[in-house]
Protein backbone atom coordinates (compact mmCIF):
# COMPACT_ATOMS: atom_id res chain seq x y z
CA MET A 1 34.95 -13.26 42.09
CA GLY A 2 31.50 -14.48 43.00
CA GLY A 3 32.49 -17.99 43.95
CA HIS A 4 32.24 -19.45 40.47
CA GLY A 5 35.43 -18.06 39.02
CA GLY A 6 33.66 -16.25 36.18
CA LEU A 7 32.34 -12.80 35.45
CA ASN A 8 29.16 -11.64 37.10
CA ILE A 9 27.16 -10.19 34.20
CA LEU A 10 23.75 -10.56 35.83
CA PRO A 11 23.34 -6.81 36.49
CA GLN A 12 23.67 -6.17 32.76
CA LYS A 13 20.76 -8.44 31.83
CA ARG A 14 17.44 -6.75 31.11
CA TRP A 15 15.47 -9.55 32.72
CA ASN A 16 17.29 -9.29 36.05
CA VAL A 17 14.59 -8.73 38.69
CA TYR A 18 17.00 -6.86 40.98
CA ASN A 19 17.93 -4.37 38.25
CA PHE A 20 17.13 -0.72 39.10
CA ASP A 21 14.84 -0.24 36.09
CA ASN A 22 12.88 -3.39 36.85
CA ARG A 23 12.52 -2.46 40.53
CA GLU A 24 11.18 0.98 39.46
CA LYS A 25 8.67 -0.68 37.14
CA VAL A 26 7.46 -2.92 39.95
CA ARG A 27 7.16 0.05 42.33
CA LYS A 28 5.15 2.07 39.79
CA ASP A 29 2.88 -0.89 39.03
CA GLU A 30 2.26 -1.44 42.74
CA GLU A 31 1.42 2.26 43.22
CA ALA A 32 -0.98 2.20 40.27
CA ALA A 33 -2.65 -0.97 41.60
CA ALA A 34 -2.99 0.60 45.08
CA LYS A 35 -4.59 3.77 43.58
CA GLU A 36 -7.00 1.70 41.52
CA GLU A 37 -7.94 -0.37 44.55
CA GLN A 38 -8.52 2.79 46.60
CA LEU A 39 -10.76 4.26 43.86
CA LYS A 40 -12.80 1.07 43.76
CA ARG A 41 -13.23 1.13 47.55
CA GLU A 42 -14.31 4.79 47.49
CA GLN A 43 -16.83 4.15 44.72
CA ALA A 44 -18.23 1.15 46.60
CA ARG A 45 -18.50 3.20 49.81
CA LYS A 46 -20.22 6.03 47.90
CA ARG A 47 -22.75 3.65 46.33
CA ASP A 48 -23.36 2.08 49.73
CA THR A 49 -23.99 5.45 51.41
CA GLU A 50 -26.36 6.56 48.62
CA PHE A 51 -28.29 3.31 48.95
CA ARG A 52 -28.61 3.74 52.75
CA ILE A 53 -29.73 7.38 52.40
CA GLU A 54 -32.40 6.34 49.90
CA GLN A 55 -33.65 3.60 52.23
CA LEU A 56 -33.87 6.05 55.15
CA ARG A 57 -35.84 8.54 53.02
CA THR A 58 -38.32 5.93 51.92
CA ALA A 59 -38.69 4.78 55.56
CA ARG A 60 -39.49 8.37 56.70
CA GLY A 61 -41.91 8.86 53.85
CA LEU A 62 -39.92 11.50 52.09
CA GLY A 63 -39.89 11.28 48.30
CA ALA A 64 -36.80 10.38 46.48
CA PRO A 65 -34.93 13.35 45.07
CA ALA A 66 -35.67 14.12 41.46
CA LYS A 67 -33.44 12.07 39.27
CA PRO A 68 -31.86 13.75 36.28
CA SER A 69 -33.78 13.11 33.10
CA GLU A 70 -32.45 10.08 31.30
CA PRO A 71 -31.38 10.42 27.69
CA GLU A 72 -33.66 9.06 25.01
CA GLU A 73 -33.12 5.48 24.10
CA VAL A 74 -31.55 4.94 20.74
CA LYS A 75 -33.60 2.97 18.25
CA ASP A 76 -31.81 -0.12 17.10
CA ASP A 77 -33.37 -1.40 13.92
CA GLY A 78 -30.27 -3.35 12.82
CA ARG A 79 -29.38 -1.05 9.94
CA HIS A 80 -26.07 0.57 9.25
CA ILE A 81 -25.60 3.82 11.15
CA ASN A 82 -24.66 6.65 8.80
CA LEU A 83 -22.72 9.23 10.76
CA PHE A 84 -22.45 11.52 7.74
CA GLU A 85 -26.15 11.53 6.88
CA GLY A 86 -26.54 15.29 6.38
CA ILE A 87 -23.37 15.75 4.39
CA ARG A 88 -23.91 15.71 0.63
CA ILE A 89 -20.42 14.54 -0.31
CA PHE A 90 -20.91 11.08 1.12
CA ASP A 91 -24.31 10.38 -0.41
CA PRO A 92 -24.31 7.39 -2.73
CA ILE A 93 -23.94 8.16 -6.43
CA ILE A 94 -27.06 7.40 -8.39
CA GLY A 95 -26.73 6.71 -12.12
CA ARG A 96 -29.07 7.64 -14.98
CA ASP A 97 -31.07 4.46 -14.62
CA GLY A 98 -31.65 5.17 -10.93
CA GLY A 99 -29.42 2.40 -9.62
CA HIS A 100 -26.18 2.74 -7.74
CA LYS A 101 -23.09 2.85 -9.88
CA LYS A 102 -20.64 0.09 -9.24
CA LYS A 103 -16.99 0.67 -9.66
CA LYS A 104 -15.69 -1.17 -12.66
CA MET A 105 -12.42 -2.99 -12.29
CA LYS A 106 -9.85 -1.50 -14.59
CA LYS A 107 -8.18 -3.97 -16.85
CA GLU A 108 -4.47 -3.60 -16.54
CA GLU A 109 -3.08 -2.17 -19.71
CA VAL A 110 -0.05 -3.79 -21.21
CA ARG A 111 2.81 -1.43 -20.52
CA VAL A 112 5.32 -0.84 -23.24
CA VAL A 113 8.77 -0.74 -21.69
CA THR A 114 10.88 1.91 -23.37
CA ALA A 115 14.62 2.37 -23.24
CA GLU A 116 14.09 5.23 -20.81
CA ASP A 117 12.14 2.95 -18.43
CA GLU A 118 14.72 0.22 -18.82
CA LYS A 119 17.29 2.39 -17.05
CA TYR A 120 15.38 2.23 -13.79
CA ARG A 121 15.11 -1.53 -13.60
CA LEU A 122 17.07 -3.55 -11.10
CA GLY A 123 20.53 -4.46 -12.32
CA TYR A 124 20.54 -2.11 -15.29
CA GLY A 125 24.02 -0.81 -14.57
CA LEU A 126 25.43 -4.31 -14.41
CA ALA A 127 24.26 -5.60 -17.76
CA GLY A 128 21.84 -3.08 -19.20
CA LYS A 129 21.44 -2.25 -22.83
CA GLY A 130 24.53 -0.63 -24.22
CA VAL A 131 26.70 -1.98 -21.41
CA LYS A 132 29.29 -4.51 -22.49
CA LEU A 133 29.08 -7.84 -20.71
CA PRO A 134 32.18 -9.01 -18.84
CA TRP A 135 34.34 -11.53 -20.67
CA TYR A 136 33.15 -14.44 -18.55
CA LEU A 137 29.50 -13.83 -19.46
CA GLU A 138 30.08 -13.48 -23.19
CA LYS A 139 29.37 -16.46 -25.41
CA ARG A 140 32.48 -18.14 -26.72
CA LYS A 141 33.20 -17.54 -30.37
CA GLU A 142 34.20 -20.72 -32.14
CA LYS A 143 37.07 -20.48 -34.59
CA VAL A 144 35.62 -20.22 -38.04
CA GLU A 145 37.75 -21.90 -40.64
CA GLU A 146 37.48 -21.09 -44.33
CA ASP A 147 37.02 -24.67 -45.38
CA GLU A 148 34.53 -26.28 -43.02
CA ASP A 149 34.77 -29.61 -44.80
CA SER A 150 38.49 -29.93 -44.15
CA PRO A 151 39.69 -33.28 -42.72
CA SER A 152 40.84 -31.71 -39.46
CA ARG A 153 37.37 -30.18 -38.99
CA LYS A 154 35.74 -33.56 -39.59
CA LYS A 155 38.04 -35.19 -37.06
CA ASP A 156 37.19 -32.54 -34.48
CA THR A 157 33.47 -33.08 -34.95
CA GLU A 158 33.92 -36.85 -34.77
CA ARG A 159 35.96 -36.47 -31.60
CA LYS A 160 33.32 -34.22 -30.04
CA LYS A 161 30.57 -36.68 -30.90
CA SER A 162 32.34 -39.78 -29.69
CA GLY A 163 33.77 -38.46 -26.46
CA LYS A 164 36.62 -40.74 -25.30
CA LYS A 165 38.51 -42.69 -27.94
CA THR A 166 39.06 -46.37 -27.77
CA VAL A 167 42.51 -47.97 -27.86
CA GLU A 168 41.98 -49.09 -31.46
CA GLU A 169 41.15 -45.55 -32.59
CA LEU A 170 44.22 -44.16 -30.85
CA ARG A 171 46.43 -46.85 -32.43
CA GLU A 172 44.91 -46.13 -35.86
CA GLU A 173 45.59 -42.40 -35.47
CA ARG A 174 49.19 -43.09 -34.43
CA LEU A 175 49.77 -45.33 -37.44
CA LYS A 176 48.31 -42.72 -39.81
CA ARG A 177 50.46 -40.03 -38.24
CA GLU A 178 53.61 -42.18 -38.57
CA LYS A 179 52.74 -43.00 -42.18
CA ARG A 180 52.32 -39.29 -43.04
CA GLU A 181 55.62 -38.51 -41.30
CA LYS A 182 57.44 -41.21 -43.32
CA GLU A 183 55.90 -39.95 -46.57
CA ARG A 184 57.01 -36.42 -45.78
CA GLN A 185 60.54 -37.64 -44.99
CA ARG A 186 60.64 -39.55 -48.29
CA ALA A 187 59.44 -36.48 -50.16
CA VAL A 188 62.10 -34.32 -48.52
CA LEU A 189 64.80 -36.91 -49.27
CA ALA A 190 63.62 -37.25 -52.87
CA GLU A 191 63.73 -33.47 -53.28
CA GLN A 192 67.25 -33.31 -51.85
CA SER A 193 68.47 -36.15 -54.04
CA ARG A 194 67.04 -34.51 -57.12
CA ARG A 195 68.79 -31.22 -56.27
CA ASP A 196 72.05 -32.95 -55.66
CA GLY A 197 71.78 -34.83 -58.90
CA GLY A 198 71.16 -38.17 -57.39
CA PHE A 199 74.22 -38.15 -55.16
CA SER A 200 73.83 -38.51 -51.50
CA ARG A 201 76.16 -36.92 -48.95
CA ARG A 202 76.21 -40.02 -46.82
């Protein structure tokens, strides 16, 4: 169990130094470092032997062997180096007045978006032109009454403007409602009594 009572997942970690892949990397790096060190030592030994041979030759009076001719030194006048100097394609364009033409920045033209282009815009299929919006995105249609100046319409607008009603307003509405109800009852009773010829069934 490993002594801790848990799972040992260390071998699965990439950073584990005892992992096979990491040990191989270390071995390869050590081999490369050893080769590089050996090359440096050989080059130093070679330079040292050449230096000693040259000293011995000068001590004996023998001339130094002819050195290979050194390449010409490159002039450095601080200008830009044109690697394509002989090629005609890359020569600068000279205008009629003899000066170099400068590229003019194009002014972006105002693009007219057509119905064809509209199809390729993001979200076109969801609510593009010609596609009906879902019911929850449509604007609510208010009920249009024939007579907008009707008393019920006025009350609704007053109610919307005022918000919550006070106790007095509620009491006033109740009294008006009761009064209308009583008037209607009286009218119904009067109509019945007229039909019956003034006699009541009670």
